Protein backbone atom coordinates (compact mmCIF):
# COMPACT_ATOMS: atom_id res chain seq x y z
CA MET A 1 39.34 78.37 76.02
CA LYS A 2 35.72 78.65 75.01
CA LYS A 3 35.13 81.03 72.16
CA LYS A 4 33.68 84.26 73.43
CA ALA A 5 31.00 86.24 71.56
CA PHE A 6 31.42 89.90 70.89
CA PRO A 7 28.35 91.19 69.09
CA ASP A 8 29.94 94.59 68.48
CA ILE A 9 32.90 93.38 66.39
CA PRO A 10 33.19 95.96 63.54
CA ALA A 11 31.71 94.55 60.38
CA GLY A 12 34.22 92.93 58.14
CA ALA A 13 37.08 93.33 60.60
CA ASP A 14 39.89 90.81 60.09
CA LYS A 15 42.85 92.87 61.31
CA VAL A 16 43.41 95.40 64.11
CA LEU A 17 46.34 97.57 65.19
CA LEU A 18 46.25 96.80 68.89
CA HIS A 19 47.88 99.37 71.16
CA THR A 20 49.38 97.20 73.84
CA CYS A 21 50.52 98.33 77.28
CA CYS A 22 51.91 94.97 78.60
CA ALA A 23 51.74 91.21 78.04
CA PRO A 24 49.42 90.49 81.01
CA CYS A 25 46.80 93.04 79.75
CA SER A 26 47.05 91.88 76.16
CA SER A 27 47.21 88.14 76.64
CA ALA A 28 43.55 87.15 76.76
CA ILE A 29 42.55 89.90 74.33
CA VAL A 30 45.03 88.69 71.67
CA GLU A 31 43.88 85.12 72.11
CA CYS A 32 40.23 86.08 71.86
CA LEU A 33 40.79 88.18 68.75
CA MET A 34 42.52 85.31 66.99
CA GLN A 35 39.71 82.97 67.90
CA HIS A 36 37.30 85.29 66.12
CA GLY A 37 39.44 85.44 62.94
CA ILE A 38 40.91 88.84 63.64
CA THR A 39 44.69 89.21 63.41
CA PRO A 40 46.06 91.67 65.92
CA VAL A 41 49.26 93.54 65.06
CA ILE A 42 50.82 94.62 68.36
CA TYR A 43 51.68 98.33 68.56
CA TYR A 44 53.90 98.96 71.63
CA CYS A 45 53.66 102.69 72.27
CA ASN A 46 54.35 103.45 75.95
CA PRO A 47 56.63 106.44 76.48
CA ASN A 48 55.04 106.76 79.94
CA ILE A 49 56.85 103.71 81.35
CA PHE A 50 59.65 104.44 83.81
CA PRO A 51 62.45 103.59 84.26
CA ALA A 52 63.90 102.39 80.96
CA GLY A 53 64.61 98.95 82.43
CA GLU A 54 61.00 98.51 83.25
CA TYR A 55 60.10 99.58 79.70
CA ARG A 56 62.40 96.98 78.22
CA ILE A 57 61.08 94.18 80.41
CA ARG A 58 57.49 94.92 79.45
CA LYS A 59 58.34 95.26 75.81
CA ASP A 60 60.28 91.99 75.79
CA GLU A 61 57.37 90.17 77.38
CA CYS A 62 55.04 91.47 74.68
CA THR A 63 57.57 90.42 72.08
CA ARG A 64 57.86 86.93 73.57
CA TYR A 65 54.09 86.49 73.53
CA ALA A 66 53.72 87.84 69.98
CA ARG A 67 56.44 85.55 68.72
CA ALA A 68 54.84 82.55 70.44
CA LEU A 69 51.68 83.19 68.48
CA GLY A 70 53.38 84.20 65.19
CA LEU A 71 52.21 87.80 65.41
CA GLU A 72 53.94 91.00 64.37
CA ILE A 73 54.95 93.51 67.01
CA ILE A 74 55.82 97.13 66.20
CA GLU A 75 57.73 99.29 68.71
CA ALA A 76 57.05 103.01 68.66
CA ASP A 77 59.61 105.61 69.76
CA TYR A 78 60.40 105.59 73.46
CA ASN A 79 60.71 109.25 74.37
CA HIS A 80 60.00 109.51 78.10
CA GLU A 81 61.35 113.06 78.23
CA ALA A 82 58.72 114.20 75.77
CA TRP A 83 56.07 112.41 77.80
CA LEU A 84 57.22 114.17 80.92
CA ARG A 85 57.06 117.55 79.23
CA LEU A 86 53.51 116.83 78.20
CA MET A 87 52.52 115.84 81.75
CA LYS A 88 54.16 118.95 83.32
CA GLY A 89 51.89 120.34 86.04
CA MET A 90 49.88 117.15 86.35
CA GLU A 91 52.34 115.13 88.41
CA ASP A 92 50.02 114.95 91.44
CA GLU A 93 46.85 114.05 89.63
CA PRO A 94 45.28 110.84 90.94
CA GLU A 95 44.74 107.69 88.96
CA ARG A 96 41.85 108.13 86.56
CA GLY A 97 42.53 111.92 86.72
CA GLY A 98 43.59 114.42 84.07
CA ARG A 99 47.06 113.03 83.70
CA CYS A 100 45.80 109.63 82.68
CA LEU A 101 43.50 111.15 80.04
CA ARG A 102 46.39 113.22 78.61
CA CYS A 103 48.59 110.09 78.56
CA PHE A 104 45.91 108.05 76.76
CA ARG A 105 45.50 110.84 74.17
CA MET A 106 49.20 110.92 73.42
CA ARG A 107 49.60 107.17 73.00
CA LEU A 108 46.41 106.56 71.06
CA ALA A 109 47.08 109.56 68.80
CA ASP A 110 50.36 107.91 67.85
CA THR A 111 48.60 104.64 67.29
CA ALA A 112 46.01 106.27 65.05
CA ARG A 113 48.70 108.11 63.10
CA TYR A 114 50.61 104.87 62.51
CA ALA A 115 47.41 103.09 61.45
CA ALA A 116 46.59 105.78 58.93
CA GLU A 117 50.08 105.74 57.49
CA HIS A 118 50.24 101.98 57.12
CA GLY A 119 46.75 101.11 55.90
CA PHE A 120 45.10 99.91 59.13
CA LYS A 121 41.34 100.54 59.24
CA LEU A 122 40.85 99.59 62.91
CA ILE A 123 42.62 100.25 66.20
CA SER A 124 41.92 99.28 69.78
CA THR A 125 43.80 99.26 73.05
CA THR A 126 44.49 96.82 75.84
CA LEU A 127 44.21 99.64 78.32
CA ALA A 128 40.54 98.91 78.39
CA SER A 129 41.26 95.59 80.16
CA SER A 130 42.45 97.27 83.36
CA ARG A 131 40.07 97.85 86.20
CA TRP A 132 42.35 100.63 87.39
CA LYS A 133 41.63 102.68 84.23
CA SER A 134 38.58 104.69 83.18
CA LEU A 135 36.86 103.22 80.16
CA GLU A 136 35.21 106.61 79.54
CA GLN A 137 38.65 108.32 79.35
CA ILE A 138 40.05 105.56 77.10
CA ASN A 139 37.12 105.75 74.72
CA GLU A 140 37.28 109.54 74.66
CA ALA A 141 40.96 109.46 73.84
CA GLY A 142 40.41 106.81 71.16
CA ARG A 143 37.65 108.81 69.39
CA GLU A 144 39.76 111.94 69.47
CA ALA A 145 42.80 110.05 68.13
CA THR A 146 40.95 108.74 65.09
CA ALA A 147 39.00 111.88 64.35
CA PRO A 148 41.63 113.29 61.96
CA TYR A 149 41.67 110.00 60.02
CA PRO A 150 38.18 109.18 58.53
CA GLU A 151 39.48 105.84 57.24
CA VAL A 152 40.49 104.69 60.80
CA THR A 153 38.00 103.50 63.40
CA PHE A 154 38.58 103.22 67.15
CA TRP A 155 37.05 99.95 68.40
CA GLU A 156 35.49 100.69 71.80
CA GLN A 157 35.37 97.52 73.73
CA ASN A 158 35.24 96.62 77.40
CA TRP A 159 37.92 93.97 77.42
CA ARG A 160 37.22 93.09 81.07
CA LYS A 161 34.04 91.11 80.22
CA GLY A 162 33.25 87.81 78.63
CA GLY A 163 35.54 85.82 80.88
CA LEU A 164 38.64 87.64 79.70
CA SER A 165 39.70 88.73 83.15
CA GLU A 166 39.70 85.18 84.41
CA ARG A 167 41.48 83.99 81.23
CA ARG A 168 44.13 86.67 81.70
CA ILE A 169 44.99 85.22 85.11
CA ALA A 170 45.35 81.77 83.61
CA LEU A 171 47.61 82.99 80.75
CA ILE A 172 49.83 84.93 83.15
CA ARG A 173 50.49 81.68 85.02
CA GLU A 174 50.85 79.66 81.80
CA TYR A 175 53.44 81.95 80.29
CA GLY A 176 55.06 83.04 83.49
CA PHE A 177 54.62 86.72 82.51
CA TYR A 178 56.34 89.42 84.47
CA ASN A 179 53.37 91.02 86.23
CA GLN A 180 54.11 94.63 87.08
CA GLN A 181 52.91 96.24 90.29
CA TYR A 182 52.22 99.75 89.05
CA CYS A 183 50.78 101.49 85.99
CA GLY A 184 54.13 102.46 84.46
CA CYS A 185 54.94 106.08 85.11
CA GLU A 186 56.84 107.39 88.12
CA PHE A 187 53.71 109.19 89.25
CA SER A 188 51.59 106.03 89.51
CA MET A 189 53.50 104.64 92.47
CA ARG A 190 51.10 103.85 95.26
CA LYS A 191 52.34 106.54 97.63
CA PRO A 192 54.24 109.76 97.03
CA ASP A 193 57.08 108.56 99.21
CA GLU A 194 57.40 105.37 97.13
CA ARG A 195 58.71 107.07 93.96
CA ALA A 196 62.04 105.33 94.12
CA LEU A 197 62.93 103.10 91.18
CA PRO A 198 61.01 99.80 91.26
CA GLN A 199 62.96 96.62 91.91
CA LEU A 200 63.31 94.72 88.60
CA PRO A 201 63.97 90.98 88.23
CA SER A 202 67.66 90.07 88.28
CA SER A 203 67.15 88.31 84.99
CA GLY A 204 64.45 88.60 82.38
CA PRO A 205 63.49 87.67 78.83
CA VAL A 206 66.09 88.00 76.12
CA SER A 207 65.76 91.37 74.47
CA SER A 208 64.64 91.45 70.86
């Protein structure tokens, strides 16, 4: 892949704690970061994902990709019940609505906390690669997450540009990634009457 230029790379950055939602979204971003001499440490913090089987498959795919590239992956606590309590009253919000912003805030706040506790100066998120998500909401949540930690910076980046969307498609095919059909939570199914459990593959990656 041709090296992409990102003029807004934070000065002196050589490592980033990368909040990662799934392997397809992270694939081209991780590759690009490494090409620019930045080592991503994968932070898998996704208590929103439902059901637990779906969560494990997405986590295992992230782990498989990280291991293939020799990268570290860190799994945060999976507490879907706590996430549900936080989303109470917002179940019927549309995509890009208030529920999504609250979800971003929760996950990025945990990412920023971990970064501060473990010496990371920079965080970012692969959520910003999805055309289904609001960049404004993601950046707002990221800025709020790092506000309590002056030593930690949120890297605002539109990860859809610079050929990364096209490269993502190629990497999904190359690695045969499980490519999910919904955001992750039970409220992001396409229609209210489709809130049954999604059909998962009969076999998947070996769990870490």
